[in-house]
C-alpha atoms as a PDB file:
ATOM      1  CA  MET A   1       0.039   0.022   0.118  1.00  0.00           C
ATOM      2  CA  ALA A   2       2.969   2.428   0.704  1.00  0.00           C
ATOM      3  CA  ASP A   3       4.268   1.888  -2.760  1.00  0.00           C
ATOM      4  CA  ARG A   4       0.982   2.447  -4.364  1.00  0.00           C
ATOM      5  CA  ALA A   5       0.432   5.574  -2.511  1.00  0.00           C
ATOM      6  CA  SER A   6       3.911   6.786  -3.319  1.00  0.00           C
ATOM      7  CA  ILE A   7       3.243   6.127  -7.098  1.00  0.00           C
ATOM      8  CA  LEU A   8       0.098   8.075  -7.141  1.00  0.00           C
ATOM      9  CA  THR A   9       1.525  11.102  -5.116  1.00  0.00           C
ATOM     10  CA  ARG A  10       4.354  11.261  -7.301  1.00  0.00           C
ATOM     11  CA  ILE A  11       2.046  11.609 -10.530  1.00  0.00           C
ATOM     12  CA  SER A  12       1.492  15.198 -10.717  1.00  0.00           C
ATOM     13  CA  HIS A  13      -2.302  16.098 -10.634  1.00  0.00           C
ATOM     14  CA  ASN A  14      -1.425  19.575 -12.141  1.00  0.00           C
ATOM     15  CA  VAL A  15      -1.266  18.269 -15.500  1.00  0.00           C
ATOM     16  CA  THR A  16      -3.540  20.889 -16.699  1.00  0.00           C
ATOM     17  CA  ALA A  17      -0.327  23.049 -16.881  1.00  0.00           C
ATOM     18  CA  PHE A  18       0.975  20.967 -19.645  1.00  0.00           C
ATOM     19  CA  ASN A  19       0.221  20.300 -23.250  1.00  0.00           C
ATOM     20  CA  MET A  20      -1.252  17.284 -24.625  1.00  0.00           C
ATOM     21  CA  VAL A  21       1.654  15.791 -26.177  1.00  0.00           C
ATOM     22  CA  GLU A  22       3.908  16.229 -22.884  1.00  0.00           C
ATOM     23  CA  ILE A  23       1.027  14.468 -21.176  1.00  0.00           C
ATOM     24  CA  LEU A  24       1.378  11.561 -23.418  1.00  0.00           C
ATOM     25  CA  LYS A  25       5.188  11.414 -23.526  1.00  0.00           C
ATOM     26  CA  SER A  26       4.944  11.107 -19.782  1.00  0.00           C
ATOM     27  CA  PHE A  27       2.522   8.471 -19.802  1.00  0.00           C
ATOM     28  CA  GLU A  28       4.571   6.625 -22.403  1.00  0.00           C
ATOM     29  CA  GLN A  29       7.625   6.743 -20.061  1.00  0.00           C
ATOM     30  CA  VAL A  30       5.613   5.682 -17.022  1.00  0.00           C
ATOM     31  CA  ALA A  31       3.731   2.938 -18.918  1.00  0.00           C
ATOM     32  CA  SER A  32       7.020   1.174 -19.676  1.00  0.00           C
ATOM     33  CA  ARG A  33       6.998   0.083 -16.139  1.00  0.00           C
ATOM     34  CA  PHE A  34       3.293  -1.076 -16.237  1.00  0.00           C
ATOM     35  CA  SER A  35       2.388  -4.879 -15.677  1.00  0.00           C
ATOM     36  CA  PRO A  36       2.360  -6.420 -19.058  1.00  0.00           C
ATOM     37  CA  ALA A  37      -1.228  -7.642 -18.966  1.00  0.00           C
ATOM     38  CA  VAL A  38      -2.267  -3.898 -18.681  1.00  0.00           C
ATOM     39  CA  LEU A  39      -0.778  -3.181 -21.938  1.00  0.00           C
ATOM     40  CA  ILE A  40      -1.094  -6.530 -23.920  1.00  0.00           C
ATOM     41  CA  LEU A  41      -4.825  -7.087 -23.416  1.00  0.00           C
ATOM     42  CA  PRO A  42      -6.323  -3.786 -24.306  1.00  0.00           C
ATOM     43  CA  GLY A  43      -3.573  -3.231 -27.106  1.00  0.00           C
ATOM     44  CA  LEU A  44      -4.452  -6.709 -28.697  1.00  0.00           C
ATOM     45  CA  ALA A  45      -8.167  -6.163 -28.234  1.00  0.00           C
ATOM     46  CA  MET A  46      -8.067  -2.659 -29.901  1.00  0.00           C
ATOM     47  CA  ALA A  47      -5.771  -3.724 -32.884  1.00  0.00           C
ATOM     48  CA  VAL A  48      -7.904  -6.912 -33.825  1.00  0.00           C
ATOM     49  CA  LEU A  49     -11.223  -5.010 -33.391  1.00  0.00           C
ATOM     50  CA  GLY A  50      -9.890  -1.960 -35.210  1.00  0.00           C
ATOM     51  CA  LEU A  51      -8.815  -3.988 -38.031  1.00  0.00           C
ATOM     52  CA  ALA A  52     -12.358  -5.712 -38.267  1.00  0.00           C
ATOM     53  CA  VAL A  53     -13.959  -2.292 -38.113  1.00  0.00           C
ATOM     54  CA  TRP A  54     -11.698  -0.322 -40.437  1.00  0.00           C
ATOM     55  CA  LEU A  55     -12.157  -2.989 -43.242  1.00  0.00           C
ATOM     56  CA  ALA A  56     -15.601  -4.475 -42.611  1.00  0.00           C
ATOM     57  CA  GLY A  57     -17.381  -2.211 -40.322  1.00  0.00           C
ATOM     58  CA  VAL A  58     -20.497  -1.608 -42.726  1.00  0.00           C
ATOM     59  CA  CYS A  59     -20.603  -5.359 -43.602  1.00  0.00           C
ATOM     60  CA  ARG A  60     -21.158  -6.371 -39.950  1.00  0.00           C
ATOM     61  CA  ARG A  61     -22.110  -3.195 -38.420  1.00  0.00           C
ATOM     62  CA  ARG A  62     -24.528  -4.509 -35.739  1.00  0.00           C
ATOM     63  CA  LEU A  63     -22.010  -6.975 -34.518  1.00  0.00           C
ATOM     64  CA  LEU A  64     -18.883  -4.853 -34.878  1.00  0.00           C
ATOM     65  CA  LEU A  65     -20.499  -1.742 -33.408  1.00  0.00           C
ATOM     66  CA  GLY A  66     -21.694  -3.659 -30.581  1.00  0.00           C
ATOM     67  CA  LEU A  67     -18.239  -4.896 -29.831  1.00  0.00           C
ATOM     68  CA  VAL A  68     -16.920  -1.298 -30.290  1.00  0.00           C
ATOM     69  CA  GLY A  69     -19.439  -0.162 -27.964  1.00  0.00           C
ATOM     70  CA  ALA A  70     -18.619  -2.763 -25.255  1.00  0.00           C
ATOM     71  CA  LEU A  71     -15.021  -2.101 -25.566  1.00  0.00           C
ATOM     72  CA  THR A  72     -14.927   1.804 -25.296  1.00  0.00           C
ATOM     73  CA  GLY A  73     -17.951   1.928 -22.951  1.00  0.00           C
ATOM     74  CA  GLY A  74     -16.422  -0.773 -20.628  1.00  0.00           C
ATOM     75  CA  LEU A  75     -13.037   1.068 -20.570  1.00  0.00           C
ATOM     76  CA  ALA A  76     -14.547   4.460 -19.911  1.00  0.00           C
ATOM     77  CA  GLY A  77     -16.855   2.971 -17.308  1.00  0.00           C
ATOM     78  CA  PHE A  78     -13.902   1.172 -15.581  1.00  0.00           C
ATOM     79  CA  ILE A  79     -11.660   4.212 -15.442  1.00  0.00           C
ATOM     80  CA  GLY A  80     -14.256   6.854 -14.866  1.00  0.00           C
ATOM     81  CA  GLY A  81     -16.243   4.747 -12.400  1.00  0.00           C
ATOM     82  CA  GLY A  82     -13.016   4.205 -10.109  1.00  0.00           C
ATOM     83  CA  GLN A  83     -12.431   0.711 -11.446  1.00  0.00           C
ATOM     84  CA  ASN A  84     -15.513  -0.655 -10.229  1.00  0.00           C
ATOM     85  CA  PRO A  85     -16.329  -3.833 -12.266  1.00  0.00           C
ATOM     86  CA  ALA A  86     -19.946  -3.349 -11.853  1.00  0.00           C
ATOM     87  CA  ILE A  87     -20.108   0.090 -13.361  1.00  0.00           C
ATOM     88  CA  ALA A  88     -17.541  -1.175 -16.132  1.00  0.00           C
ATOM     89  CA  GLY A  89     -20.151  -4.100 -16.935  1.00  0.00           C
ATOM     90  CA  LEU A  90     -23.104  -1.666 -17.020  1.00  0.00           C
ATOM     91  CA  ALA A  91     -21.321   0.763 -19.234  1.00  0.00           C
ATOM     92  CA  ALA A  92     -20.087  -1.956 -21.540  1.00  0.00           C
ATOM     93  CA  GLY A  93     -23.598  -3.594 -21.626  1.00  0.00           C
ATOM     94  CA  SER A  94     -25.293  -0.320 -22.383  1.00  0.00           C
ATOM     95  CA  SER A  95     -22.807   0.667 -25.115  1.00  0.00           C
ATOM     96  CA  ALA A  96     -23.000  -2.708 -26.747  1.00  0.00           C
ATOM     97  CA  ALA A  97     -26.807  -2.723 -26.983  1.00  0.00           C
ATOM     98  CA  PHE A  98     -26.957   0.715 -28.234  1.00  0.00           C
ATOM     99  CA  GLY A  99     -24.239  -0.031 -31.089  1.00  0.00           C
ATOM    100  CA  ALA A 100     -26.145  -3.356 -31.896  1.00  0.00           C
ATOM    101  CA  ILE A 101     -29.861  -2.308 -31.813  1.00  0.00           C
ATOM    102  CA  ALA A 102     -29.526   1.124 -33.148  1.00  0.00           C
ATOM    103  CA  PRO A 103     -26.353   1.148 -35.542  1.00  0.00           C
ATOM    104  CA  ARG A 104     -27.560   4.238 -37.678  1.00  0.00           C
ATOM    105  CA  LEU A 105     -28.014   6.280 -34.550  1.00  0.00           C
ATOM    106  CA  PHE A 106     -24.591   5.140 -32.947  1.00  0.00           C
ATOM    107  CA  VAL A 107     -23.019   5.732 -36.112  1.00  0.00           C
ATOM    108  CA  ALA A 108     -24.404   9.252 -36.268  1.00  0.00           C
ATOM    109  CA  VAL A 109     -23.663   9.958 -32.599  1.00  0.00           C
ATOM    110  CA  ALA A 110     -20.100   8.578 -33.082  1.00  0.00           C
ATOM    111  CA  LEU A 111     -19.454  10.759 -36.126  1.00  0.00           C
ATOM    112  CA  ALA A 112     -20.706  13.856 -34.336  1.00  0.00           C
ATOM    113  CA  VAL A 113     -18.488  13.319 -31.296  1.00  0.00           C
ATOM    114  CA  LEU A 114     -15.482  12.678 -33.723  1.00  0.00           C
ATOM    115  CA  GLY A 115     -16.135  15.693 -35.740  1.00  0.00           C
ATOM    116  CA  ALA A 116     -16.682  17.989 -32.579  1.00  0.00           C
ATOM    117  CA  ALA A 117     -13.502  16.561 -31.273  1.00  0.00           C
ATOM    118  CA  ILE A 118     -11.559  17.442 -34.429  1.00  0.00           C
ATOM    119  CA  ALA A 119     -13.089  20.882 -34.464  1.00  0.00           C
ATOM    120  CA  PHE A 120     -12.259  21.386 -30.700  1.00  0.00           C
ATOM    121  CA  THR A 121      -8.624  20.475 -31.517  1.00  0.00           C
ATOM    122  CA  VAL A 122      -8.300  23.071 -34.439  1.00  0.00           C
ATOM    123  CA  VAL A 123      -9.886  25.918 -32.292  1.00  0.00           C
ATOM    124  CA  ALA A 124      -7.998  25.185 -29.185  1.00  0.00           C
ATOM    125  CA  ARG A 125      -4.733  23.904 -30.853  1.00  0.00           C
ATOM    126  CA  ILE A 126      -2.675  26.671 -29.336  1.00  0.00           C
ATOM    127  CA  HIS A 127      -3.803  25.855 -25.783  1.00  0.00           C
ATOM    128  CA  LEU A 128      -3.475  22.064 -26.361  1.00  0.00           C
ATOM    129  CA  PHE A 129       0.163  22.068 -27.637  1.00  0.00           C
ATOM    130  CA  GLN A 130       1.650  25.351 -26.196  1.00  0.00           C
ATOM    131  CA  GLN A 131       4.722  24.621 -23.957  1.00  0.00           C
ATOM    132  CA  GLN A 132       4.582  25.544 -20.392  1.00  0.00           C
ATOM    133  CA  GLN A 133       6.614  25.158 -17.415  1.00  0.00           C
ATOM    134  CA  GLY A 134       6.297  22.591 -14.372  1.00  0.00           C
ATOM    135  CA  LEU A 135       7.250  19.166 -12.874  1.00  0.00           C
ATOM    136  CA  LEU A 136       5.697  16.074 -14.629  1.00  0.00           C
ATOM    137  CA  PHE A 137       6.211  12.722 -13.339  1.00  0.00           C
ATOM    138  CA  SER A 138       8.133  10.461 -15.929  1.00  0.00           C
ATOM    139  CA  GLY A 139       9.923   7.349 -16.167  1.00  0.00           C
ATOM    140  CA  GLN A 140      13.144   9.312 -15.547  1.00  0.00           C
ATOM    141  CA  ASN A 141      11.964  10.034 -11.961  1.00  0.00           C
ATOM    142  CA  LEU A 142      11.821   6.292 -11.220  1.00  0.00           C
ATOM    143  CA  ASP A 143      14.610   4.215  -9.538  1.00  0.00           C
ATOM    144  CA  PRO A 144      16.105   2.319 -12.442  1.00  0.00           C
ATOM    145  CA  ASP A 145      16.393  -0.604 -10.108  1.00  0.00           C
ATOM    146  CA  ALA A 146      12.807  -0.573  -8.856  1.00  0.00           C
ATOM    147  CA  ARG A 147      10.344  -3.360  -9.715  1.00  0.00           C
ATOM    148  CA  ARG A 148       7.575  -3.254 -12.204  1.00  0.00           C
ATOM    149  CA  PHE A 149       4.204  -1.859 -10.959  1.00  0.00           C
ATOM    150  CA  THR A 150       1.610  -4.457 -10.144  1.00  0.00           C
ATOM    151  CA  VAL A 151      -1.661  -4.690 -12.043  1.00  0.00           C
ATOM    152  CA  GLN A 152      -3.460  -2.552  -9.485  1.00  0.00           C
ATOM    153  CA  GLU A 153      -0.733   0.319  -9.427  1.00  0.00           C
ATOM    154  CA  SER A 154      -0.671   0.186 -13.309  1.00  0.00           C
ATOM    155  CA  LEU A 155      -4.555   0.730 -13.350  1.00  0.00           C
ATOM    156  CA  ASP A 156      -4.178   3.494 -10.755  1.00  0.00           C
ATOM    157  CA  ALA A 157      -1.702   5.343 -12.801  1.00  0.00           C
ATOM    158  CA  VAL A 158      -3.797   5.065 -16.028  1.00  0.00           C
ATOM    159  CA  GLN A 159      -6.772   6.365 -14.118  1.00  0.00           C
ATOM    160  CA  ALA A 160      -4.854   9.197 -12.912  1.00  0.00           C
ATOM    161  CA  TYR A 161      -3.455  10.246 -16.163  1.00  0.00           C
ATOM    162  CA  THR A 162      -6.835   9.929 -17.819  1.00  0.00           C
ATOM    163  CA  LEU A 163      -8.473  12.231 -15.301  1.00  0.00           C
ATOM    164  CA  ASP A 164      -5.647  14.410 -15.576  1.00  0.00           C
ATOM    165  CA  ALA A 165      -5.929  14.753 -19.403  1.00  0.00           C
ATOM    166  CA  VAL A 166      -9.902  15.092 -19.019  1.00  0.00           C
ATOM    167  CA  ASP A 167      -9.230  18.164 -16.519  1.00  0.00           C
ATOM    168  CA  ARG A 168      -6.821  19.661 -18.941  1.00  0.00           C
ATOM    169  CA  VAL A 169      -9.500  19.435 -21.797  1.00  0.00           C
ATOM    170  CA  LYS A 170     -12.186  20.878 -19.482  1.00  0.00           C
ATOM    171  CA  ALA A 171      -9.857  23.830 -18.478  1.00  0.00           C
ATOM    172  CA  ILE A 172      -9.153  24.635 -22.052  1.00  0.00           C
ATOM    173  CA  ALA A 173     -12.880  24.450 -22.806  1.00  0.00           C
ATOM    174  CA  ARG A 174     -13.592  26.984 -20.031  1.00  0.00           C
ATOM    175  CA  GLY A 175     -11.257  29.313 -21.486  1.00  0.00           C
ATOM    176  CA  LEU A 176     -12.525  29.358 -25.091  1.00  0.00           C
ATOM    177  CA  VAL A 177     -14.682  32.213 -26.373  1.00  0.00           C
ATOM    178  CA  SER A 178     -18.222  31.675 -27.246  1.00  0.00           C
ATOM    179  CA  VAL A 179     -17.500  31.739 -30.909  1.00  0.00           C
ATOM    180  CA  ASP A 180     -15.140  28.748 -30.673  1.00  0.00           C
ATOM    181  CA  LEU A 181     -17.720  26.596 -28.594  1.00  0.00           C
ATOM    182  CA  ALA A 182     -20.370  27.587 -31.135  1.00  0.00           C
ATOM    183  CA  ILE A 183     -18.236  26.347 -33.946  1.00  0.00           C
ATOM    184  CA  VAL A 184     -17.664  23.021 -32.271  1.00  0.00           C
ATOM    185  CA  GLY A 185     -21.086  22.635 -31.330  1.00  0.00           C
ATOM    186  CA  ALA A 186     -22.279  23.381 -34.953  1.00  0.00           C
ATOM    187  CA  VAL A 187     -19.840  20.928 -36.382  1.00  0.00           C
ATOM    188  CA  GLY A 188     -21.264  18.279 -34.000  1.00  0.00           C
ATOM    189  CA  ALA A 189     -24.831  19.070 -34.778  1.00  0.00           C
ATOM    190  CA  GLY A 190     -24.335  19.209 -38.534  1.00  0.00           C
ATOM    191  CA  LEU A 191     -22.545  15.726 -38.518  1.00  0.00           C
ATOM    192  CA  LEU A 192     -25.279  14.171 -36.443  1.00  0.00           C
ATOM    193  CA  VAL A 193     -27.879  15.281 -39.006  1.00  0.00           C
ATOM    194  CA  VAL A 194     -25.815  14.039 -41.716  1.00  0.00           C
ATOM    195  CA  GLY A 195     -25.254  10.691 -39.996  1.00  0.00           C
ATOM    196  CA  LEU A 196     -28.992  10.311 -39.551  1.00  0.00           C
ATOM    197  CA  LEU A 197     -29.904  11.327 -42.942  1.00  0.00           C
ATOM    198  CA  PHE A 198     -27.245   9.612 -45.235  1.00  0.00           C
ATOM    199  CA  GLY A 199     -26.549   6.358 -43.717  1.00  0.00           C
ATOM    200  CA  ARG A 200     -24.168   4.493 -46.039  1.00  0.00           C
ATOM    201  CA  LEU A 201     -21.196   7.029 -46.746  1.00  0.00           C
ATOM    202  CA  PRO A 202     -21.275   8.403 -43.058  1.00  0.00           C
ATOM    203  CA  GLY A 203     -21.355   4.807 -41.730  1.00  0.00           C
ATOM    204  CA  ALA A 204     -18.380   3.654 -43.820  1.00  0.00           C
ATOM    205  CA  LEU A 205     -16.441   6.949 -42.940  1.00  0.00           C
ATOM    206  CA  THR A 206     -17.257   6.524 -39.187  1.00  0.00           C
ATOM    207  CA  CYS A 207     -16.389   2.889 -39.159  1.00  0.00           C
ATOM    208  CA  SER A 208     -12.986   3.733 -40.976  1.00  0.00           C
ATOM    209  CA  MET A 209     -12.287   6.498 -38.482  1.00  0.00           C
ATOM    210  CA  ILE A 210     -12.985   4.461 -35.605  1.00  0.00           C
ATOM    211  CA  GLY A 211     -11.229   1.346 -36.793  1.00  0.00           C
ATOM    212  CA  SER A 212      -7.847   3.314 -37.901  1.00  0.00           C
ATOM    213  CA  GLY A 213      -7.901   5.147 -34.311  1.00  0.00           C
ATOM    214  CA  LEU A 214      -8.366   1.689 -32.550  1.00  0.00           C
ATOM    215  CA  VAL A 215      -5.421   0.372 -34.606  1.00  0.00           C
ATOM    216  CA  PHE A 216      -3.315   3.170 -33.901  1.00  0.00           C
ATOM    217  CA  ALA A 217      -4.167   3.017 -30.058  1.00  0.00           C
ATOM    218  CA  GLY A 218      -3.722  -0.668 -29.890  1.00  0.00           C
ATOM    219  CA  LEU A 219      -0.267  -0.692 -31.843  1.00  0.00           C
ATOM    220  CA  THR A 220       0.848   2.197 -29.600  1.00  0.00           C
ATOM    221  CA  LEU A 221       0.326   0.311 -26.319  1.00  0.00           C
ATOM    222  CA  LEU A 222       1.973  -2.759 -27.773  1.00  0.00           C
ATOM    223  CA  LEU A 223       4.915  -0.797 -28.903  1.00  0.00           C
ATOM    224  CA  ILE A 224       5.136   0.780 -25.369  1.00  0.00           C
ATOM    225  CA  LEU A 225       5.408  -2.512 -24.014  1.00  0.00           C
ATOM    226  CA  LYS A 226       8.129  -3.546 -26.318  1.00  0.00           C
ATOM    227  CA  GLY A 227      10.162  -0.511 -25.205  1.00  0.00           C
ATOM    228  CA  SER A 228       9.770   1.730 -28.099  1.00  0.00           C
ATOM    229  CA  THR A 229       8.648   5.268 -27.813  1.00  0.00           C
ATOM    230  CA  PRO A 230       5.968   5.703 -30.370  1.00  0.00           C
ATOM    231  CA  VAL A 231       4.574   8.857 -28.939  1.00  0.00           C
ATOM    232  CA  ALA A 232       7.934  10.696 -29.132  1.00  0.00           C
ATOM    233  CA  ARG A 233       8.194   9.433 -32.717  1.00  0.00           C
ATOM    234  CA  MET A 234       4.933  10.697 -33.626  1.00  0.00           C
ATOM    235  CA  GLU A 235       5.798  14.360 -32.121  1.00  0.00           C
ATOM    236  CA  GLN A 236       9.040  14.147 -34.285  1.00  0.00           C
ATOM    237  CA  GLN A 237       7.240  13.169 -37.518  1.00  0.00           C
ATOM    238  CA  GLY A 238       3.826  14.392 -36.910  1.00  0.00           C
ATOM    239  CA  PRO A 239       2.796  15.394 -40.648  1.00  0.00           C
ATOM    240  CA  PHE A 240       3.802  11.803 -41.598  1.00  0.00           C
ATOM    241  CA  TYR A 241       1.719   9.974 -39.248  1.00  0.00           C
ATOM    242  CA  GLY A 242      -1.137  12.382 -39.758  1.00  0.00           C
ATOM    243  CA  LEU A 243      -0.936  11.717 -43.661  1.00  0.00           C
ATOM    244  CA  LEU A 244      -0.845   7.869 -42.795  1.00  0.00           C
ATOM    245  CA  LEU A 245      -3.920   8.244 -40.812  1.00  0.00           C
ATOM    246  CA  LEU A 246      -5.824  10.077 -43.174  1.00  0.00           C
ATOM    247  CA  GLY A 247      -4.674   7.555 -45.738  1.00  0.00           C
ATOM    248  CA  MET A 248      -5.938   4.604 -43.625  1.00  0.00           C
ATOM    249  CA  VAL A 249      -9.338   6.408 -43.093  1.00  0.00           C
ATOM    250  CA  ALA A 250      -9.747   7.086 -46.899  1.00  0.00           C
ATOM    251  CA  PHE A 251      -8.724   3.503 -47.896  1.00  0.00           C
ATOM    252  CA  GLY A 252     -11.144   1.949 -45.381  1.00  0.00           C
ATOM    253  CA  THR A 253     -13.948   4.197 -46.335  1.00  0.00           C
ATOM    254  CA  LEU A 254     -13.538   3.534 -50.231  1.00  0.00           C
ATOM    255  CA  GLU A 255     -13.050  -0.181 -49.530  1.00  0.00           C
ATOM    256  CA  GLN A 256     -16.110  -0.610 -47.309  1.00  0.00           C
ATOM    257  CA  LEU A 257     -18.407   1.474 -49.914  1.00  0.00           C
ATOM    258  CA  LEU A 258     -16.869  -0.826 -52.901  1.00  0.00           C
ATOM    259  CA  LEU A 259     -16.861  -4.134 -51.451  1.00  0.00           C
ATOM    260  CA  CYS A 260     -19.403  -4.322 -48.531  1.00  0.00           C
ATOM    261  CA  PRO A 261     -22.842  -5.090 -49.992  1.00  0.00           C
ATOM    262  CA  GLN A 262     -25.593  -2.701 -49.337  1.00  0.00           C
ATOM    263  CA  ALA A 263     -28.250  -3.997 -46.744  1.00  0.00           C
ATOM    264  CA  LYS A 264     -31.452  -5.053 -48.378  1.00  0.00           C
ATOM    265  CA  GLY A 265     -33.474  -2.668 -46.514  1.00  0.00           C
ATOM    266  CA  GLU A 266     -31.214   0.183 -47.707  1.00  0.00           C
ATOM    267  CA  ARG A 267     -31.504  -0.855 -51.200  1.00  0.00           C
ATOM    268  CA  ASP A 268     -35.356  -0.842 -51.017  1.00  0.00           C
ATOM    269  CA  ASN A 269     -35.419   2.432 -49.102  1.00  0.00           C
ATOM    270  CA  PRO A 270     -32.275   4.328 -49.766  1.00  0.00           C
ATOM    271  CA  SER A 271     -33.793   7.586 -48.229  1.00  0.00           C
ATOM    272  CA  GLY A 272     -34.275   5.830 -44.868  1.00  0.00           C
ATOM    273  CA  LYS A 273     -37.781   7.059 -44.417  1.00  0.00           C
ATOM    274  CA  PRO A 274     -40.378   4.779 -43.439  1.00  0.00           C
ATOM    275  CA  ARG A 275     -42.968   3.823 -46.089  1.00  0.00           C
ATOM    276  CA  THR A 276     -46.414   3.996 -45.546  1.00  0.00           C
ATOM    277  CA  HIS A 277     -49.100   1.122 -45.736  1.00  0.00           C
ATOM    278  CA  ARG A 278     -50.369   2.545 -49.221  1.00  0.00           C
ATOM    279  CA  GLU A 279     -46.749   2.518 -50.531  1.00  0.00           C
ATOM    280  CA  ASP A 280     -46.343  -1.031 -49.214  1.00  0.00           C
ATOM    281  CA  SER A 281     -49.556  -2.100 -50.884  1.00  0.00           C
ATOM    282  CA  LYS A 282     -48.682  -0.578 -54.306  1.00  0.00           C
ATOM    283  CA  ARG A 283     -45.261  -2.173 -54.308  1.00  0.00           C
ATOM    284  CA  GLY A 284     -46.771  -5.550 -53.558  1.00  0.00           C
ATOM    285  CA  TRP A 285     -49.355  -5.180 -56.313  1.00  0.00           C
ATOM    286  CA  ARG A 286     -46.687  -4.303 -58.751  1.00  0.00           C
ATOM    287  CA  ASN A 287     -44.546  -7.277 -57.781  1.00  0.00           C
ATOM    288  CA  ARG A 288     -47.368  -9.845 -58.157  1.00  0.00           C
END
């Protein structure tokens, strides 16, 4: 318990003074000491599920979106709920049901969230990535001869970094002017409407974006476990990795639109609007 408390106290809770890149670099250094299970299991799950969603999200969208909802909802519930298995299970089950039962609405909400996040990054990029002074806990602060963290200590560190990053985003959001917040809200609302009205293209784009993000996140965790420094490399070659991610999104979107068959309901009713009883009667009479 003493070691666990000392680790948590040495992780600075004033991360709101730092840019997001420095937070990620600090996490990368500390994560090299995590228990392997904390990196391997989520890393493999994200990479495998990400590949499936990236290349076949539209083909099996109910199943894959349900799995995406379970994974993301479960992780968010576990970290945000104080590592409570009951809260994590409830969040995973609710998100999985949402993705499997209402895939179009799930896609529209996911597209709106992703678009709003990108818009927020653009309008707040100066605050997100500006250099500021302070002391941030990193792997360099650790005794090189110290043991690895236990599973519980690793989870505590992940929760601390996640909550600090959320606090950083909240602090930036509170400092934005009304126009910037209106832009972010308008982008999110507009993409929500697009996702609801035009199911196929937004669906393929959203699945490709989610899949690419999961693949990147999963490979990053696995590379950290291997001892590499993927975050530092991404910082040094940001444009290259940005173009790579955009290329993955574009390829996944086109591949799904071309190779994934359109659902029968969408072929019969491409507008997505429910047909009236009179229209169904006329259609049945013509097909006799």
